[in-house]
Amino acid sequence: MAQWFPWVLQPGANLMRWALLHPDAREQYVGWEEHARIYLAMVRMALVKHGRLPELVSVLNEVLADEDCRRIWDSKPELVGHRDGHVFRLNISRFDHQDIEVVTQVLYPAAFPPDLRFVAITWLGSREDPGAEAARRSPSAAAGSADRVAPRRPVQGTPPRPYWALDSFEAARSLAGSSPVDLPALSEAAGRGTRLTADFSGRNVIWATSEASGTVAFEDLSTQEALARIPIAALTEGARREYQNLLRSTLAPDGPTAARQIDELLVPHRAAIDLLMDLGSELSPTATTGPSNGLSRSESDTGTERAQELAGRLDASPR
């Protein structure tokens, strides 16, 4: 959600305030007035169902202070309960600001009151012109797209970028939450022009990279995904410490359980070390010449002991 709509990370985030009042919403919703009409009809429905709740009245007063919203509100009184199945077009930075067609699905969790909703916004990924069908259903959507300066590019079946771009590293860093954890040594190990920031829990890492255009592209990765990208062999002492701290955050809080998890993670590495050690022993100058169906018992034992010694060093608990 935050990758598509960063506003949700702001304190007191409210969909109606953002969609109806924020300049970004008028850019991101293709044919914004049509969306404004629907959202205002949903606000009206909420007033009918819940009366003049202070929070609802506050939102309504803010919205109606806007000239465009007041005009739409007064033009055609409507009631809309939800947007389930609504197909429309978005223009958001995650998809390099190209128009994409999406559909909303509104779900009602059974264990909660009916007013609580879970809304999924799904990219349709059509290989055809993403606006053709939407334009037939909504002339205002077609007009909104036609007014854009940048030419629309066809969707190719997959999102054009796995990340989205911001103006600065600081803007990317802010998406790590209210207490971001900088990782300067790992950033250097990850490559020039890269900055990594973990959130306070250590479960996610913002991987930001400077682009030639001057923007900063970034991905919101799980910690495991971020660690998998970092070349371990070239880590400095400081980078090793940051790596271990991040790795520790992915394990169970209590030491014994975390140690068991480390043992499980080491299983495939120990097997690979054994294989390499055995092969190295076979190929070493001291190996017996001539045909061989495998390593001798002594060579295998030696290789395994060395592998176990190395694996034991890897077994040390993260700092």
Protein backbone atom coordinates (compact mmCIF):
# COMPACT_ATOMS: atom_id res chain seq x y z
CA MET A 1 0.00 0.00 0.00
CA ALA A 2 2.75 2.43 0.95
CA GLN A 3 4.62 1.74 -2.28
CA TRP A 4 1.62 2.74 -4.36
CA PHE A 5 0.31 5.47 -2.03
CA PRO A 6 2.98 6.88 0.34
CA TRP A 7 0.42 9.14 2.02
CA VAL A 8 -0.80 6.21 4.14
CA LEU A 9 2.37 6.49 6.25
CA GLN A 10 1.50 10.01 7.38
CA PRO A 11 0.04 10.50 10.89
CA GLY A 12 -3.76 10.55 10.83
CA ALA A 13 -3.90 9.32 7.24
CA ASN A 14 -7.44 9.48 5.87
CA LEU A 15 -8.49 8.29 2.42
CA MET A 16 -11.21 10.89 1.90
CA ARG A 17 -9.01 13.83 2.88
CA TRP A 18 -6.24 12.64 0.58
CA ALA A 19 -8.38 11.61 -2.39
CA LEU A 20 -10.48 14.78 -2.37
CA LEU A 21 -7.99 17.43 -1.29
CA HIS A 22 -4.39 16.43 -1.99
CA PRO A 23 -2.83 17.57 -5.30
CA ASP A 24 -1.18 14.15 -5.73
CA ALA A 25 -4.59 12.47 -5.77
CA ARG A 26 -5.75 14.68 -8.62
CA GLU A 27 -2.73 13.52 -10.58
CA GLN A 28 -2.84 9.86 -9.62
CA TYR A 29 -6.55 9.32 -10.24
CA VAL A 30 -7.08 9.57 -14.00
CA GLY A 31 -10.31 11.51 -14.42
CA TRP A 32 -10.23 12.78 -10.85
CA GLU A 33 -13.68 14.41 -10.86
CA GLU A 34 -15.34 11.04 -11.43
CA HIS A 35 -13.52 9.65 -8.40
CA ALA A 36 -14.37 12.75 -6.37
CA ARG A 37 -18.04 12.28 -7.21
CA ILE A 38 -17.96 8.67 -5.97
CA TYR A 39 -16.02 9.48 -2.80
CA LEU A 40 -18.35 12.35 -1.93
CA ALA A 41 -21.30 10.00 -2.44
CA MET A 42 -19.63 7.58 -0.01
CA VAL A 43 -19.26 10.38 2.53
CA ARG A 44 -22.95 11.17 2.12
CA MET A 45 -23.79 7.49 2.66
CA ALA A 46 -21.68 7.49 5.83
CA LEU A 47 -23.65 10.50 7.09
CA VAL A 48 -26.91 8.67 6.46
CA LYS A 49 -25.73 5.55 8.32
CA HIS A 50 -23.86 7.11 11.22
CA GLY A 51 -25.29 10.56 11.69
CA ARG A 52 -23.07 13.51 12.52
CA LEU A 53 -20.07 11.77 14.03
CA PRO A 54 -17.49 14.44 14.97
CA GLU A 55 -14.76 12.79 12.89
CA LEU A 56 -17.03 12.50 9.87
CA VAL A 57 -18.26 16.08 10.17
CA SER A 58 -14.65 17.29 10.43
CA VAL A 59 -13.71 15.52 7.21
CA LEU A 60 -16.81 16.82 5.43
CA ASN A 61 -16.17 20.42 6.49
CA GLU A 62 -12.58 20.27 5.27
CA VAL A 63 -13.62 18.75 1.96
CA LEU A 64 -16.45 21.19 1.27
CA ALA A 65 -14.12 24.14 1.86
CA ASP A 66 -12.55 23.15 -1.45
CA GLU A 67 -14.24 24.86 -4.40
CA ASP A 68 -14.18 21.83 -6.72
CA CYS A 69 -15.50 19.46 -4.07
CA ARG A 70 -18.28 21.87 -3.10
CA ARG A 71 -19.34 22.16 -6.77
CA ILE A 72 -19.45 18.35 -7.17
CA TRP A 73 -21.26 17.91 -3.83
CA ASP A 74 -23.96 20.39 -4.80
CA SER A 75 -24.36 19.26 -8.40
CA LYS A 76 -25.83 15.78 -7.95
CA PRO A 77 -26.77 14.28 -4.57
CA GLU A 78 -25.85 10.58 -4.65
CA LEU A 79 -25.33 7.71 -2.24
CA VAL A 80 -22.60 5.09 -2.81
CA GLY A 81 -21.91 2.27 -0.36
CA HIS A 82 -18.65 0.88 -1.75
CA ARG A 83 -16.44 0.62 -4.84
CA ASP A 84 -16.37 -3.15 -5.24
CA GLY A 85 -15.65 -4.16 -8.84
CA HIS A 86 -14.88 -0.61 -9.94
CA VAL A 87 -12.37 -0.61 -12.83
CA PHE A 88 -10.42 2.62 -13.22
CA ARG A 89 -7.02 4.01 -14.11
CA LEU A 90 -4.16 5.23 -11.94
CA ASN A 91 -1.01 7.15 -12.71
CA ILE A 92 1.48 6.41 -9.90
CA SER A 93 5.23 6.58 -9.51
CA ARG A 94 5.68 2.85 -8.84
CA PHE A 95 4.79 2.21 -12.49
CA ASP A 96 6.98 5.02 -13.84
CA HIS A 97 3.96 7.35 -14.07
CA GLN A 98 2.29 5.41 -16.85
CA ASP A 99 -1.47 4.94 -16.71
CA ILE A 100 -2.44 1.48 -15.46
CA GLU A 101 -5.85 -0.12 -15.21
CA VAL A 102 -6.87 -1.51 -11.82
CA VAL A 103 -9.93 -3.01 -10.16
CA THR A 104 -11.02 -2.77 -6.54
CA GLN A 105 -12.36 -5.65 -4.48
CA VAL A 106 -14.08 -4.83 -1.19
CA LEU A 107 -14.04 -7.56 1.47
CA TYR A 108 -15.76 -7.67 4.88
CA PRO A 109 -13.81 -9.65 7.53
CA ALA A 110 -16.31 -11.98 9.20
CA ALA A 111 -14.98 -11.55 12.74
CA PHE A 112 -15.37 -7.75 12.75
CA PRO A 113 -18.24 -5.25 12.53
CA PRO A 114 -19.61 -4.79 8.98
CA ASP A 115 -18.26 -1.25 8.74
CA LEU A 116 -14.70 -2.57 8.72
CA ARG A 117 -13.51 -3.26 5.18
CA PHE A 118 -10.49 -4.75 3.50
CA VAL A 119 -10.00 -3.24 0.04
CA ALA A 120 -7.66 -4.80 -2.52
CA ILE A 121 -6.54 -2.74 -5.52
CA THR A 122 -5.36 -5.11 -8.23
CA TRP A 123 -3.43 -4.19 -11.35
CA LEU A 124 -5.20 -5.83 -14.28
CA GLY A 125 -2.04 -6.01 -16.43
CA SER A 126 -3.88 -5.93 -19.75
CA ARG A 127 -1.68 -6.28 -22.83
CA GLU A 128 -4.09 -4.05 -24.71
CA ASP A 129 -4.50 -0.31 -24.30
CA PRO A 130 -5.26 -0.07 -20.55
CA GLY A 131 -7.61 2.85 -21.12
CA ALA A 132 -9.82 1.52 -23.91
CA GLU A 133 -12.45 -0.23 -21.79
CA ALA A 134 -12.24 2.35 -18.99
CA ALA A 135 -12.81 5.15 -21.51
CA ARG A 136 -15.97 3.47 -22.75
CA ARG A 137 -17.28 3.29 -19.19
CA SER A 138 -16.07 6.71 -18.07
CA PRO A 139 -15.63 9.57 -20.59
CA SER A 140 -14.10 11.73 -17.85
CA ALA A 141 -11.34 9.14 -17.36
CA ALA A 142 -10.51 9.28 -21.04
CA ALA A 143 -10.45 13.08 -20.97
CA GLY A 144 -8.20 13.09 -17.92
CA SER A 145 -5.66 10.89 -19.67
CA ALA A 146 -5.78 12.86 -22.91
CA ASP A 147 -4.82 16.06 -21.10
CA ARG A 148 -1.49 14.65 -19.91
CA VAL A 149 1.73 16.06 -21.28
CA ALA A 150 3.62 12.74 -21.23
CA PRO A 151 2.50 10.26 -23.90
CA ARG A 152 0.88 7.12 -22.56
CA ARG A 153 2.94 3.96 -23.02
CA PRO A 154 1.27 0.59 -23.46
CA VAL A 155 1.37 -1.90 -20.60
CA GLN A 156 3.51 -4.90 -21.56
CA GLY A 157 2.04 -7.51 -19.24
CA THR A 158 4.34 -6.84 -16.27
CA PRO A 159 4.96 -3.69 -14.24
CA PRO A 160 7.71 -1.68 -15.98
CA ARG A 161 9.72 -1.20 -12.77
CA PRO A 162 10.03 -3.22 -9.57
CA TYR A 163 10.52 -0.02 -7.61
CA TRP A 164 9.47 3.60 -7.56
CA ALA A 165 11.36 6.87 -7.42
CA LEU A 166 11.55 9.87 -5.09
CA ASP A 167 13.45 13.13 -5.13
CA SER A 168 16.06 12.35 -2.48
CA PHE A 169 17.65 9.72 -0.26
CA GLU A 170 16.08 11.44 2.73
CA ALA A 171 12.61 10.98 1.25
CA ALA A 172 13.32 7.28 0.74
CA ARG A 173 14.75 6.99 4.26
CA SER A 174 11.55 8.44 5.73
CA LEU A 175 9.62 5.41 4.48
CA ALA A 176 11.50 3.24 6.97
CA GLY A 177 9.20 4.62 9.66
CA SER A 178 9.50 7.01 12.58
CA SER A 179 12.71 5.41 13.93
CA PRO A 180 14.82 4.45 10.90
CA VAL A 181 18.10 2.60 11.37
CA ASP A 182 20.86 3.72 9.00
CA LEU A 183 23.23 1.06 7.62
CA PRO A 184 26.22 3.03 6.28
CA ALA A 185 28.71 0.15 6.13
CA LEU A 186 26.28 -2.21 4.39
CA SER A 187 25.31 0.62 2.04
CA GLU A 188 28.93 0.90 0.96
CA ALA A 189 29.15 -2.86 0.47
CA ALA A 190 25.96 -2.84 -1.59
CA GLY A 191 27.48 -0.53 -4.17
CA ARG A 192 28.20 3.07 -5.03
CA GLY A 193 25.21 5.37 -4.87
CA THR A 194 23.24 2.97 -2.65
CA ARG A 195 21.82 3.62 0.79
CA LEU A 196 20.13 1.06 2.99
CA THR A 197 17.82 1.91 5.86
CA ALA A 198 16.12 -0.63 8.13
CA ASP A 199 12.90 0.01 9.97
CA PHE A 200 12.97 -0.13 13.76
CA SER A 201 11.78 -3.74 13.84
CA GLY A 202 14.50 -4.85 11.42
CA ARG A 203 11.94 -6.71 9.31
CA ASN A 204 12.16 -4.45 6.27
CA VAL A 205 14.93 -2.56 4.50
CA ILE A 206 14.58 0.43 2.18
CA TRP A 207 17.12 -0.14 -0.62
CA ALA A 208 17.62 3.23 -2.35
CA THR A 209 19.83 3.88 -5.38
CA SER A 210 20.65 7.14 -7.12
CA GLU A 211 19.73 7.35 -10.82
CA ALA A 212 21.31 9.29 -13.64
CA SER A 213 18.20 11.46 -13.85
CA GLY A 214 18.85 12.73 -10.32
CA THR A 215 15.98 10.82 -8.77
CA VAL A 216 16.34 8.10 -6.16
CA ALA A 217 14.83 4.71 -7.00
CA PHE A 218 14.13 2.33 -4.17
CA GLU A 219 12.57 -0.94 -3.19
CA ASP A 220 10.93 -1.85 0.09
CA LEU A 221 12.46 -5.28 0.74
CA SER A 222 12.14 -7.82 3.47
CA THR A 223 15.35 -8.10 5.49
CA GLN A 224 15.97 -11.57 4.04
CA GLU A 225 15.71 -10.22 0.49
CA ALA A 226 18.12 -7.39 1.29
CA LEU A 227 20.68 -9.68 2.95
CA ALA A 228 20.59 -12.05 -0.01
CA ARG A 229 21.77 -9.22 -2.29
CA ILE A 230 24.82 -8.26 -0.25
CA PRO A 231 28.17 -9.91 -1.11
CA ILE A 232 29.34 -11.41 2.18
CA ALA A 233 32.95 -12.13 1.20
CA ALA A 234 33.89 -8.46 0.86
CA LEU A 235 32.29 -7.17 4.06
CA THR A 236 34.31 -4.90 6.31
CA GLU A 237 34.20 -5.35 10.08
CA GLY A 238 31.56 -2.66 10.39
CA ALA A 239 29.48 -4.15 7.59
CA ARG A 240 29.74 -7.60 9.20
CA ARG A 241 28.37 -6.16 12.44
CA GLU A 242 25.45 -4.48 10.63
CA TYR A 243 24.80 -7.68 8.67
CA GLN A 244 24.72 -9.76 11.85
CA ASN A 245 22.44 -7.29 13.60
CA LEU A 246 20.01 -7.42 10.66
CA LEU A 247 20.19 -11.20 10.53
CA ARG A 248 19.52 -11.39 14.28
CA SER A 249 16.35 -9.35 13.81
CA THR A 250 14.94 -12.07 11.54
CA LEU A 251 15.34 -14.76 14.21
CA ALA A 252 13.31 -15.60 17.30
CA PRO A 253 13.74 -13.18 20.23
CA ASP A 254 14.97 -15.82 22.70
CA GLY A 255 18.52 -17.10 22.33
CA PRO A 256 17.96 -20.90 22.34
CA THR A 257 15.27 -20.76 19.65
CA ALA A 258 17.38 -18.38 17.56
CA ALA A 259 20.37 -20.75 17.90
CA ARG A 260 18.22 -23.63 16.62
CA GLN A 261 17.13 -21.51 13.67
CA ILE A 262 20.79 -20.77 12.89
CA ASP A 263 21.53 -24.52 12.95
CA GLU A 264 18.73 -25.06 10.45
CA LEU A 265 20.08 -22.29 8.21
CA LEU A 266 23.55 -23.85 8.33
CA VAL A 267 22.45 -27.29 7.13
CA PRO A 268 22.70 -26.57 3.37
CA HIS A 269 25.93 -24.60 3.89
CA ARG A 270 27.54 -27.46 5.79
CA ALA A 271 26.58 -29.89 3.04
CA ALA A 272 28.08 -27.57 0.41
CA ILE A 273 31.27 -27.17 2.46
CA ASP A 274 31.60 -30.95 2.79
CA LEU A 275 31.24 -31.38 -0.95
CA LEU A 276 33.84 -28.73 -1.74
CA MET A 277 36.27 -30.00 0.88
CA ASP A 278 36.00 -33.55 -0.41
CA LEU A 279 36.51 -32.42 -3.99
CA GLY A 280 39.46 -30.26 -2.95
CA SER A 281 41.07 -33.21 -1.19
CA GLU A 282 40.59 -35.36 -4.27
CA LEU A 283 42.21 -32.77 -6.52
CA SER A 284 45.09 -31.82 -4.22
CA PRO A 285 48.67 -32.80 -5.19
CA THR A 286 48.82 -35.25 -2.28
CA ALA A 287 45.81 -37.20 -3.55
CA THR A 288 46.47 -40.74 -4.75
CA THR A 289 47.10 -40.86 -8.50
CA GLY A 290 45.28 -43.20 -10.79
CA PRO A 291 41.65 -44.16 -11.15
CA SER A 292 39.54 -43.71 -8.07
CA ASN A 293 35.92 -44.42 -7.30
CA GLY A 294 35.94 -41.80 -4.53
CA LEU A 295 37.82 -40.43 -1.58
CA SER A 296 39.53 -42.67 0.91
CA ARG A 297 38.13 -42.80 4.42
CA SER A 298 41.00 -40.72 5.80
CA GLU A 299 40.61 -38.04 3.13
CA SER A 300 36.89 -37.86 3.72
CA ASP A 301 37.37 -37.58 7.48
CA THR A 302 39.94 -34.82 7.07
CA GLY A 303 37.69 -32.85 4.75
CA THR A 304 34.70 -33.26 7.03
CA GLU A 305 36.68 -32.20 10.12
CA ARG A 306 37.87 -29.06 8.36
CA ALA A 307 34.33 -28.34 7.17
CA GLN A 308 32.97 -28.82 10.67
CA GLU A 309 35.63 -26.51 12.09
CA LEU A 310 34.66 -23.79 9.61
CA ALA A 311 30.96 -24.38 10.16
CA GLY A 312 31.58 -24.10 13.89
CA ARG A 313 33.03 -20.64 13.39
CA LEU A 314 29.94 -19.70 11.38
CA ASP A 315 27.81 -21.00 14.23
CA ALA A 316 28.76 -18.05 16.48
CA SER A 317 25.77 -16.10 17.71
CA PRO A 318 25.20 -12.75 15.96
CA ARG A 319 26.27 -9.70 17.93
